[in-house]
Amino acid sequence: FYSIAFFLIIMPFIYVVIQYSELGIKINQISYQYTHANFFSGRNIVWEIGINGFYKSPIIGHGMDNNILLEGRWTASAHNIYIYILLQGGIIALILFILYLHSVWMEFYECLNNNIVRLSACYLIGSMIIASFELTLIGNAVNLAICLWLIISIGLMKKNSIKNRLANRYAKNNFT
């Protein structure tokens, strides 16, 4: 879990840095050659604005509805939940968010042998990946966020059901 979270957090930082390197130029050329589209699609611009804003207040962020992206003349979203959280609440908020997701993951981990729980755990990881390109878990695409959280919640309910059934069976065996 933490390996995936760490990669997803540093990925935009790497993406922004390599755009100016020889490797980035070569990747962009190859991408354009085979797909007729640039590898650096524009997210590099908004992520760079967001990352530069993060560096101005890394610990506690800039607060809700900050205008950091507007300073860079960007009126759309950050297109990355981790940058968004860093801008809003800094490293402290990002750590709390990752710890929350980890607590959900650990709930799933107890019952990964159940198909429903395993599927919900996969949705959690998939949601974290999708959130690297949108604000699906906490903003913007509310319809998608509701569906993702519903699927994750179903897995948690199933896990709790399994745990309660085992606890009742254990209690019943101890009384007889």
N, C-alpha and C. Protein backbone atom coordinates (compact mmCIF):
# COMPACT_ATOMS: atom_id res chain seq x y z
N PHE A 1 0.82 -1.20 0.00
CA PHE A 1 0.00 0.00 0.00
C PHE A 1 0.87 1.26 0.00
N TYR A 2 1.82 1.31 0.95
CA TYR A 2 2.63 2.52 1.05
C TYR A 2 3.52 2.72 -0.18
N SER A 3 3.96 1.64 -0.80
CA SER A 3 4.76 1.76 -2.03
C SER A 3 3.95 2.41 -3.13
N ILE A 4 2.71 1.98 -3.29
CA ILE A 4 1.83 2.57 -4.31
C ILE A 4 1.56 4.03 -3.98
N ALA A 5 1.24 4.32 -2.73
CA ALA A 5 0.95 5.70 -2.33
C ALA A 5 2.17 6.59 -2.57
N PHE A 6 3.35 6.12 -2.19
CA PHE A 6 4.56 6.91 -2.38
C PHE A 6 4.79 7.19 -3.86
N PHE A 7 4.65 6.16 -4.69
CA PHE A 7 4.84 6.36 -6.13
C PHE A 7 3.84 7.38 -6.69
N LEU A 8 2.58 7.26 -6.29
CA LEU A 8 1.55 8.18 -6.79
C LEU A 8 1.80 9.62 -6.35
N ILE A 9 2.39 9.79 -5.18
CA ILE A 9 2.67 11.14 -4.69
C ILE A 9 3.87 11.75 -5.42
N ILE A 10 4.92 10.96 -5.65
CA ILE A 10 6.11 11.55 -6.29
C ILE A 10 6.02 11.60 -7.81
N MET A 11 5.09 10.83 -8.39
CA MET A 11 4.97 10.77 -9.85
C MET A 11 4.82 12.15 -10.50
N PRO A 12 3.94 13.04 -10.02
CA PRO A 12 3.85 14.35 -10.68
C PRO A 12 5.12 15.18 -10.53
N PHE A 13 5.83 15.02 -9.41
CA PHE A 13 7.09 15.74 -9.23
C PHE A 13 8.11 15.29 -10.28
N ILE A 14 8.18 13.98 -10.51
CA ILE A 14 9.09 13.44 -11.53
C ILE A 14 8.65 13.89 -12.92
N TYR A 15 7.36 13.82 -13.19
CA TYR A 15 6.81 14.21 -14.48
C TYR A 15 7.16 15.66 -14.82
N VAL A 16 7.07 16.53 -13.81
CA VAL A 16 7.39 17.94 -14.01
C VAL A 16 8.88 18.14 -14.26
N VAL A 17 9.71 17.43 -13.52
CA VAL A 17 11.16 17.60 -13.65
C VAL A 17 11.67 17.07 -14.99
N ILE A 18 11.18 15.88 -15.42
CA ILE A 18 11.75 15.29 -16.64
C ILE A 18 11.34 16.01 -17.91
N GLN A 19 10.32 16.86 -17.85
CA GLN A 19 9.91 17.57 -19.07
C GLN A 19 11.04 18.43 -19.63
N TYR A 20 11.96 18.87 -18.78
CA TYR A 20 13.05 19.73 -19.20
C TYR A 20 14.35 18.96 -19.49
N SER A 21 14.34 17.66 -19.26
CA SER A 21 15.55 16.86 -19.44
C SER A 21 15.63 16.26 -20.83
N GLU A 22 16.79 15.73 -21.16
CA GLU A 22 16.98 15.03 -22.43
C GLU A 22 16.04 13.82 -22.52
N LEU A 23 15.90 13.11 -21.39
CA LEU A 23 14.99 11.96 -21.36
C LEU A 23 13.57 12.38 -21.67
N GLY A 24 13.11 13.47 -21.08
CA GLY A 24 11.76 13.96 -21.33
C GLY A 24 11.55 14.34 -22.78
N ILE A 25 12.53 15.01 -23.35
CA ILE A 25 12.44 15.40 -24.77
C ILE A 25 12.37 14.16 -25.65
N LYS A 26 13.19 13.16 -25.33
CA LYS A 26 13.20 11.92 -26.12
C LYS A 26 11.86 11.17 -25.97
N ILE A 27 11.35 11.09 -24.74
CA ILE A 27 10.05 10.43 -24.52
C ILE A 27 8.96 11.14 -25.30
N ASN A 28 8.97 12.47 -25.28
CA ASN A 28 7.97 13.24 -26.00
C ASN A 28 8.07 13.00 -27.50
N GLN A 29 9.29 12.92 -28.03
CA GLN A 29 9.48 12.65 -29.45
C GLN A 29 8.95 11.27 -29.83
N ILE A 30 9.26 10.28 -29.02
CA ILE A 30 8.78 8.91 -29.28
C ILE A 30 7.26 8.86 -29.21
N SER A 31 6.70 9.51 -28.19
CA SER A 31 5.24 9.54 -28.05
C SER A 31 4.60 10.17 -29.28
N TYR A 32 5.16 11.29 -29.73
CA TYR A 32 4.58 11.97 -30.89
C TYR A 32 4.74 11.13 -32.16
N GLN A 33 5.86 10.45 -32.27
CA GLN A 33 6.13 9.62 -33.45
C GLN A 33 5.10 8.49 -33.58
N TYR A 34 4.76 7.86 -32.47
CA TYR A 34 3.87 6.69 -32.52
C TYR A 34 2.39 7.01 -32.31
N THR A 35 2.11 8.11 -31.63
CA THR A 35 0.70 8.39 -31.31
C THR A 35 0.21 9.72 -31.87
N HIS A 36 1.12 10.51 -32.39
CA HIS A 36 0.82 11.86 -32.87
C HIS A 36 0.23 12.73 -31.76
N ALA A 37 0.65 12.45 -30.53
CA ALA A 37 0.25 13.24 -29.37
C ALA A 37 1.48 13.41 -28.47
N ASN A 38 1.58 14.54 -27.83
CA ASN A 38 2.69 14.81 -26.93
C ASN A 38 2.54 14.02 -25.64
N PHE A 39 3.65 13.55 -25.10
CA PHE A 39 3.66 12.87 -23.80
C PHE A 39 3.29 13.86 -22.71
N PHE A 40 3.80 15.08 -22.83
CA PHE A 40 3.49 16.14 -21.87
C PHE A 40 2.25 16.86 -22.38
N SER A 41 1.12 16.41 -21.88
CA SER A 41 -0.18 16.78 -22.44
C SER A 41 -0.75 18.09 -21.92
N GLY A 42 -0.10 18.69 -20.98
CA GLY A 42 -0.62 19.91 -20.35
C GLY A 42 -0.70 19.77 -18.85
N ARG A 43 -0.78 18.54 -18.37
CA ARG A 43 -0.79 18.34 -16.92
C ARG A 43 0.53 18.81 -16.33
N ASN A 44 1.58 18.69 -17.10
CA ASN A 44 2.88 19.15 -16.62
C ASN A 44 2.83 20.63 -16.25
N ILE A 45 2.05 21.41 -16.96
CA ILE A 45 1.94 22.85 -16.68
C ILE A 45 1.20 23.08 -15.36
N VAL A 46 0.02 22.49 -15.23
CA VAL A 46 -0.76 22.71 -14.01
C VAL A 46 -0.08 22.07 -12.80
N TRP A 47 0.54 20.90 -12.98
CA TRP A 47 1.24 20.27 -11.87
C TRP A 47 2.44 21.10 -11.44
N GLU A 48 3.12 21.71 -12.40
CA GLU A 48 4.26 22.56 -12.05
C GLU A 48 3.80 23.78 -11.26
N ILE A 49 2.69 24.38 -11.67
CA ILE A 49 2.14 25.52 -10.93
C ILE A 49 1.79 25.08 -9.50
N GLY A 50 1.12 23.93 -9.39
CA GLY A 50 0.73 23.41 -8.08
C GLY A 50 1.91 23.07 -7.20
N ILE A 51 2.93 22.44 -7.79
CA ILE A 51 4.11 22.05 -7.02
C ILE A 51 4.87 23.29 -6.55
N ASN A 52 4.99 24.28 -7.42
CA ASN A 52 5.64 25.53 -7.01
C ASN A 52 4.86 26.21 -5.89
N GLY A 53 3.54 26.14 -5.94
CA GLY A 53 2.72 26.68 -4.86
C GLY A 53 2.89 25.90 -3.57
N PHE A 54 3.03 24.59 -3.69
CA PHE A 54 3.26 23.74 -2.52
C PHE A 54 4.56 24.12 -1.83
N TYR A 55 5.60 24.39 -2.60
CA TYR A 55 6.90 24.76 -2.02
C TYR A 55 6.82 26.05 -1.20
N LYS A 56 5.84 26.90 -1.46
CA LYS A 56 5.69 28.16 -0.72
C LYS A 56 5.17 27.93 0.69
N SER A 57 4.41 26.85 0.91
CA SER A 57 3.89 26.53 2.24
C SER A 57 3.73 25.01 2.35
N PRO A 58 4.85 24.30 2.50
CA PRO A 58 4.79 22.83 2.42
C PRO A 58 4.17 22.13 3.63
N ILE A 59 4.27 22.70 4.79
CA ILE A 59 3.82 21.99 6.00
C ILE A 59 2.31 22.07 6.18
N ILE A 60 1.74 23.27 6.12
CA ILE A 60 0.30 23.41 6.39
C ILE A 60 -0.51 23.84 5.17
N GLY A 61 0.12 24.03 4.04
CA GLY A 61 -0.59 24.41 2.83
C GLY A 61 -1.09 25.84 2.86
N HIS A 62 -1.98 26.14 1.94
CA HIS A 62 -2.49 27.50 1.78
C HIS A 62 -3.94 27.65 2.21
N GLY A 63 -4.57 26.58 2.68
CA GLY A 63 -5.95 26.65 3.11
C GLY A 63 -6.93 26.35 1.98
N MET A 64 -8.18 26.28 2.36
CA MET A 64 -9.24 25.98 1.40
C MET A 64 -9.38 27.11 0.40
N ASP A 65 -9.74 26.74 -0.83
CA ASP A 65 -9.97 27.71 -1.90
C ASP A 65 -8.82 28.69 -2.09
N ASN A 66 -7.60 28.15 -2.03
CA ASN A 66 -6.45 29.04 -2.27
C ASN A 66 -6.41 29.41 -3.75
N ASN A 67 -5.69 30.44 -4.05
CA ASN A 67 -5.61 30.94 -5.42
C ASN A 67 -4.27 30.66 -6.07
N ILE A 68 -3.57 29.65 -5.61
CA ILE A 68 -2.24 29.34 -6.14
C ILE A 68 -2.32 29.03 -7.63
N LEU A 69 -3.28 28.22 -8.04
CA LEU A 69 -3.39 27.89 -9.46
C LEU A 69 -3.77 29.11 -10.29
N LEU A 70 -4.55 30.01 -9.70
CA LEU A 70 -4.91 31.24 -10.42
C LEU A 70 -3.71 32.14 -10.65
N GLU A 71 -2.74 32.09 -9.73
CA GLU A 71 -1.52 32.87 -9.93
C GLU A 71 -0.81 32.46 -11.21
N GLY A 72 -0.92 31.19 -11.55
CA GLY A 72 -0.33 30.68 -12.78
C GLY A 72 -1.29 30.74 -13.95
N ARG A 73 -2.37 31.50 -13.78
CA ARG A 73 -3.42 31.68 -14.80
C ARG A 73 -4.09 30.35 -15.16
N TRP A 74 -4.29 29.50 -14.15
CA TRP A 74 -4.95 28.22 -14.36
C TRP A 74 -6.26 28.25 -13.61
N THR A 75 -7.38 28.09 -14.32
CA THR A 75 -8.69 28.20 -13.68
C THR A 75 -9.35 26.84 -13.46
N ALA A 76 -8.79 25.78 -14.00
CA ALA A 76 -9.35 24.44 -13.82
C ALA A 76 -8.77 23.81 -12.56
N SER A 77 -9.06 22.54 -12.35
CA SER A 77 -8.60 21.84 -11.15
C SER A 77 -7.11 21.49 -11.25
N ALA A 78 -6.58 20.98 -10.16
CA ALA A 78 -5.17 20.58 -10.11
C ALA A 78 -4.91 19.29 -10.88
N HIS A 79 -5.96 18.56 -11.23
CA HIS A 79 -5.85 17.29 -11.96
C HIS A 79 -4.98 16.26 -11.23
N ASN A 80 -4.89 16.38 -9.93
CA ASN A 80 -4.16 15.41 -9.11
C ASN A 80 -4.57 15.65 -7.66
N ILE A 81 -5.15 14.63 -7.05
CA ILE A 81 -5.67 14.79 -5.69
C ILE A 81 -4.55 15.06 -4.69
N TYR A 82 -3.39 14.46 -4.92
CA TYR A 82 -2.29 14.60 -3.98
C TYR A 82 -1.72 16.02 -4.01
N ILE A 83 -1.59 16.61 -5.20
CA ILE A 83 -1.17 18.01 -5.30
C ILE A 83 -2.23 18.91 -4.70
N TYR A 84 -3.49 18.61 -4.97
CA TYR A 84 -4.61 19.39 -4.43
C TYR A 84 -4.56 19.41 -2.90
N ILE A 85 -4.36 18.25 -2.30
CA ILE A 85 -4.31 18.18 -0.84
C ILE A 85 -3.08 18.90 -0.32
N LEU A 86 -1.93 18.76 -1.01
CA LEU A 86 -0.73 19.48 -0.59
C LEU A 86 -0.95 20.99 -0.63
N LEU A 87 -1.65 21.47 -1.64
CA LEU A 87 -1.94 22.90 -1.73
C LEU A 87 -2.90 23.34 -0.63
N GLN A 88 -3.92 22.54 -0.36
CA GLN A 88 -4.94 22.91 0.62
C GLN A 88 -4.42 22.81 2.06
N GLY A 89 -3.77 21.68 2.38
CA GLY A 89 -3.40 21.44 3.77
C GLY A 89 -1.97 21.03 4.01
N GLY A 90 -1.14 21.04 2.97
CA GLY A 90 0.27 20.73 3.12
C GLY A 90 0.54 19.26 3.40
N ILE A 91 1.76 19.02 3.84
CA ILE A 91 2.20 17.65 4.13
C ILE A 91 1.35 17.02 5.23
N ILE A 92 0.95 17.83 6.19
CA ILE A 92 0.14 17.30 7.31
C ILE A 92 -1.16 16.71 6.78
N ALA A 93 -1.87 17.43 5.93
CA ALA A 93 -3.14 16.94 5.39
C ALA A 93 -2.91 15.72 4.51
N LEU A 94 -1.84 15.71 3.72
CA LEU A 94 -1.58 14.55 2.86
C LEU A 94 -1.28 13.32 3.69
N ILE A 95 -0.51 13.47 4.75
CA ILE A 95 -0.23 12.33 5.63
C ILE A 95 -1.51 11.80 6.25
N LEU A 96 -2.37 12.70 6.72
CA LEU A 96 -3.65 12.27 7.31
C LEU A 96 -4.52 11.54 6.28
N PHE A 97 -4.55 12.04 5.05
CA PHE A 97 -5.34 11.41 3.99
C PHE A 97 -4.80 10.01 3.68
N ILE A 98 -3.48 9.89 3.56
CA ILE A 98 -2.87 8.59 3.28
C ILE A 98 -3.10 7.63 4.45
N LEU A 99 -3.00 8.12 5.67
CA LEU A 99 -3.27 7.27 6.84
C LEU A 99 -4.72 6.80 6.85
N TYR A 100 -5.64 7.67 6.46
CA TYR A 100 -7.05 7.27 6.37
C TYR A 100 -7.22 6.16 5.34
N LEU A 101 -6.66 6.36 4.14
CA LEU A 101 -6.76 5.32 3.10
C LEU A 101 -6.08 4.04 3.56
N HIS A 102 -4.97 4.16 4.28
CA HIS A 102 -4.29 2.97 4.79
C HIS A 102 -5.17 2.24 5.81
N SER A 103 -5.89 2.98 6.64
CA SER A 103 -6.77 2.33 7.62
C SER A 103 -7.88 1.55 6.90
N VAL A 104 -8.39 2.10 5.82
CA VAL A 104 -9.39 1.37 5.02
C VAL A 104 -8.75 0.12 4.42
N TRP A 105 -7.53 0.28 3.88
CA TRP A 105 -6.81 -0.86 3.30
C TRP A 105 -6.61 -1.96 4.35
N MET A 106 -6.24 -1.59 5.56
CA MET A 106 -6.01 -2.60 6.60
C MET A 106 -7.30 -3.32 6.99
N GLU A 107 -8.42 -2.62 6.92
CA GLU A 107 -9.70 -3.29 7.15
C GLU A 107 -9.92 -4.37 6.09
N PHE A 108 -9.62 -4.05 4.85
CA PHE A 108 -9.75 -5.02 3.77
C PHE A 108 -8.76 -6.17 3.94
N TYR A 109 -7.57 -5.84 4.37
CA TYR A 109 -6.48 -6.82 4.43
C TYR A 109 -6.81 -8.01 5.32
N GLU A 110 -7.63 -7.77 6.33
CA GLU A 110 -8.02 -8.85 7.25
C GLU A 110 -8.84 -9.93 6.56
N CYS A 111 -9.53 -9.59 5.45
CA CYS A 111 -10.44 -10.55 4.80
C CYS A 111 -10.21 -10.61 3.29
N LEU A 112 -8.98 -10.53 2.86
CA LEU A 112 -8.72 -10.54 1.41
C LEU A 112 -9.05 -11.87 0.75
N ASN A 113 -9.32 -12.90 1.54
CA ASN A 113 -9.72 -14.18 0.95
C ASN A 113 -11.16 -14.16 0.45
N ASN A 114 -11.94 -13.14 0.81
CA ASN A 114 -13.31 -13.00 0.34
C ASN A 114 -13.32 -12.20 -0.97
N ASN A 115 -14.04 -12.68 -1.97
CA ASN A 115 -14.04 -12.04 -3.28
C ASN A 115 -14.56 -10.61 -3.26
N ILE A 116 -15.61 -10.35 -2.51
CA ILE A 116 -16.19 -9.00 -2.46
C ILE A 116 -15.22 -8.04 -1.79
N VAL A 117 -14.60 -8.47 -0.71
CA VAL A 117 -13.63 -7.63 -0.01
C VAL A 117 -12.42 -7.38 -0.90
N ARG A 118 -11.94 -8.43 -1.57
CA ARG A 118 -10.79 -8.28 -2.46
C ARG A 118 -11.10 -7.32 -3.61
N LEU A 119 -12.31 -7.42 -4.17
CA LEU A 119 -12.70 -6.52 -5.25
C LEU A 119 -12.76 -5.07 -4.76
N SER A 120 -13.29 -4.85 -3.58
CA SER A 120 -13.34 -3.50 -3.02
C SER A 120 -11.94 -2.97 -2.74
N ALA A 121 -11.04 -3.83 -2.28
CA ALA A 121 -9.65 -3.42 -2.05
C ALA A 121 -9.01 -3.00 -3.37
N CYS A 122 -9.30 -3.73 -4.43
CA CYS A 122 -8.79 -3.37 -5.76
C CYS A 122 -9.35 -2.02 -6.20
N TYR A 123 -10.62 -1.79 -5.91
CA TYR A 123 -11.22 -0.49 -6.24
C TYR A 123 -10.57 0.64 -5.46
N LEU A 124 -10.19 0.37 -4.22
CA LEU A 124 -9.50 1.39 -3.43
C LEU A 124 -8.18 1.77 -4.09
N ILE A 125 -7.39 0.77 -4.45
CA ILE A 125 -6.10 1.04 -5.11
C ILE A 125 -6.34 1.70 -6.47
N GLY A 126 -7.31 1.20 -7.22
CA GLY A 126 -7.64 1.81 -8.51
C GLY A 126 -8.08 3.25 -8.36
N SER A 127 -8.84 3.53 -7.32
CA SER A 127 -9.30 4.90 -7.06
C SER A 127 -8.12 5.81 -6.74
N MET A 128 -7.15 5.27 -6.01
CA MET A 128 -5.96 6.06 -5.70
C MET A 128 -5.19 6.39 -6.98
N ILE A 129 -5.16 5.46 -7.91
CA ILE A 129 -4.46 5.69 -9.18
C ILE A 129 -5.22 6.70 -10.02
N ILE A 130 -6.53 6.53 -10.13
CA ILE A 130 -7.36 7.48 -10.89
C ILE A 130 -7.20 8.89 -10.31
N ALA A 131 -7.10 8.97 -8.98
CA ALA A 131 -6.98 10.27 -8.31
C ALA A 131 -5.67 10.97 -8.64
N SER A 132 -4.73 10.26 -9.25
CA SER A 132 -3.49 10.90 -9.68
C SER A 132 -3.72 11.80 -10.89
N PHE A 133 -4.88 11.66 -11.51
CA PHE A 133 -5.17 12.43 -12.72
C PHE A 133 -6.44 13.26 -12.60
N GLU A 134 -7.16 13.10 -11.52
CA GLU A 134 -8.40 13.85 -11.27
C GLU A 134 -8.60 13.95 -9.76
N LEU A 135 -9.62 14.66 -9.35
CA LEU A 135 -9.95 14.80 -7.93
C LEU A 135 -11.14 13.91 -7.57
N THR A 136 -11.16 12.71 -8.08
CA THR A 136 -12.35 11.86 -7.98
C THR A 136 -12.74 11.47 -6.57
N LEU A 137 -11.82 11.33 -5.66
CA LEU A 137 -12.19 10.84 -4.34
C LEU A 137 -12.80 11.91 -3.44
N ILE A 138 -12.47 13.17 -3.68
CA ILE A 138 -12.96 14.21 -2.76
C ILE A 138 -13.53 15.43 -3.45
N GLY A 139 -13.55 15.49 -4.75
CA GLY A 139 -14.08 16.68 -5.40
C GLY A 139 -14.35 16.45 -6.87
N ASN A 140 -14.64 17.51 -7.57
CA ASN A 140 -14.91 17.56 -9.01
C ASN A 140 -15.88 16.51 -9.53
N ALA A 141 -15.46 15.29 -9.74
CA ALA A 141 -16.30 14.25 -10.32
C ALA A 141 -17.10 13.55 -9.22
N VAL A 142 -18.09 14.22 -8.68
CA VAL A 142 -18.83 13.72 -7.53
C VAL A 142 -19.56 12.41 -7.86
N ASN A 143 -20.13 12.31 -9.05
CA ASN A 143 -20.85 11.08 -9.41
C ASN A 143 -19.93 9.87 -9.36
N LEU A 144 -18.75 10.01 -9.92
CA LEU A 144 -17.78 8.91 -9.89
C LEU A 144 -17.32 8.65 -8.47
N ALA A 145 -17.08 9.71 -7.70
CA ALA A 145 -16.63 9.55 -6.32
C ALA A 145 -17.66 8.77 -5.49
N ILE A 146 -18.93 9.08 -5.68
CA ILE A 146 -19.97 8.37 -4.94
C ILE A 146 -19.96 6.89 -5.28
N CYS A 147 -19.81 6.57 -6.55
CA CYS A 147 -19.76 5.16 -6.97
C CYS A 147 -18.53 4.46 -6.39
N LEU A 148 -17.37 5.10 -6.44
CA LEU A 148 -16.15 4.49 -5.90
C LEU A 148 -16.26 4.28 -4.40
N TRP A 149 -16.75 5.30 -3.67
CA TRP A 149 -16.89 5.14 -2.22
C TRP A 149 -17.96 4.10 -1.87
N LEU A 150 -19.00 3.99 -2.70
CA LEU A 150 -20.02 2.98 -2.46
C LEU A 150 -19.43 1.58 -2.59
N ILE A 151 -18.65 1.35 -3.61
CA ILE A 151 -18.02 0.03 -3.80
C ILE A 151 -17.06 -0.27 -2.65
N ILE A 152 -16.28 0.74 -2.25
CA ILE A 152 -15.37 0.55 -1.12
C ILE A 152 -16.17 0.26 0.15
N SER A 153 -17.29 0.95 0.35
CA SER A 153 -18.14 0.74 1.52
C SER A 153 -18.75 -0.65 1.54
N ILE A 154 -19.14 -1.16 0.38
CA ILE A 154 -19.70 -2.52 0.31
C ILE A 154 -18.66 -3.52 0.79
N GLY A 155 -17.42 -3.32 0.38
CA GLY A 155 -16.35 -4.21 0.86
C GLY A 155 -16.17 -4.14 2.36
N LEU A 156 -16.26 -2.92 2.91
CA LEU A 156 -16.13 -2.77 4.36
C LEU A 156 -17.30 -3.42 5.09
N MET A 157 -18.50 -3.28 4.54
CA MET A 157 -19.67 -3.92 5.15
C MET A 157 -19.53 -5.44 5.12
N LYS A 158 -19.04 -5.98 4.02
CA LYS A 158 -18.85 -7.43 3.90
C LYS A 158 -17.80 -7.90 4.89
N LYS A 159 -16.72 -7.16 5.01
CA LYS A 159 -15.67 -7.51 5.96
C LYS A 159 -16.22 -7.51 7.39
N ASN A 160 -17.02 -6.49 7.75
CA ASN A 160 -17.62 -6.43 9.08
C ASN A 160 -18.60 -7.57 9.30
N SER A 161 -19.34 -7.94 8.26
CA SER A 161 -20.26 -9.06 8.35
C SER A 161 -19.51 -10.36 8.64
N ILE A 162 -18.43 -10.58 7.95
CA ILE A 162 -17.60 -11.78 8.16
C ILE A 162 -17.04 -11.78 9.57
N LYS A 163 -16.53 -10.64 10.01
CA LYS A 163 -15.94 -10.52 11.34
C LYS A 163 -16.99 -10.77 12.42
N ASN A 164 -18.21 -10.22 12.26
CA ASN A 164 -19.28 -10.43 13.22
C ASN A 164 -19.72 -11.88 13.26
N ARG A 165 -19.81 -12.50 12.09
CA ARG A 165 -20.20 -13.91 12.03
C ARG A 165 -19.18 -14.78 12.78
N LEU A 166 -17.90 -14.49 12.59
CA LEU A 166 -16.85 -15.25 13.28
C LEU A 166 -16.90 -14.99 14.78
N ALA A 167 -17.15 -13.76 15.19
CA ALA A 167 -17.23 -13.43 16.61
C ALA A 167 -18.43 -14.13 17.25
N ASN A 168 -19.57 -14.15 16.56
CA ASN A 168 -20.76 -14.84 17.09
C ASN A 168 -20.52 -16.33 17.20
N ARG A 169 -19.87 -16.91 16.21
CA ARG A 169 -19.57 -18.34 16.24
C ARG A 169 -18.64 -18.66 17.41
N TYR A 170 -17.64 -17.81 17.64
CA TYR A 170 -16.71 -18.00 18.74
C TYR A 170 -17.44 -17.89 20.07
N ALA A 171 -18.30 -16.87 20.21
CA ALA A 171 -19.05 -16.68 21.46
C ALA A 171 -19.99 -17.85 21.70
N LYS A 172 -20.63 -18.35 20.66
CA LYS A 172 -21.56 -19.48 20.78
C LYS A 172 -20.83 -20.73 21.23
N ASN A 173 -19.65 -20.98 20.71
CA ASN A 173 -18.85 -22.15 21.07
C ASN A 173 -18.34 -22.08 22.50
N ASN A 174 -18.09 -20.87 23.00
CA ASN A 174 -17.60 -20.71 24.37
C ASN A 174 -18.70 -20.89 25.40
N PHE A 175 -19.99 -20.66 25.02
CA PHE A 175 -21.08 -20.81 25.95
C PHE A 175 -21.58 -22.24 26.03
N THR A 176 -21.28 -23.05 25.03
CA THR A 176 -21.79 -24.43 25.07
C THR A 176 -20.77 -25.42 25.51
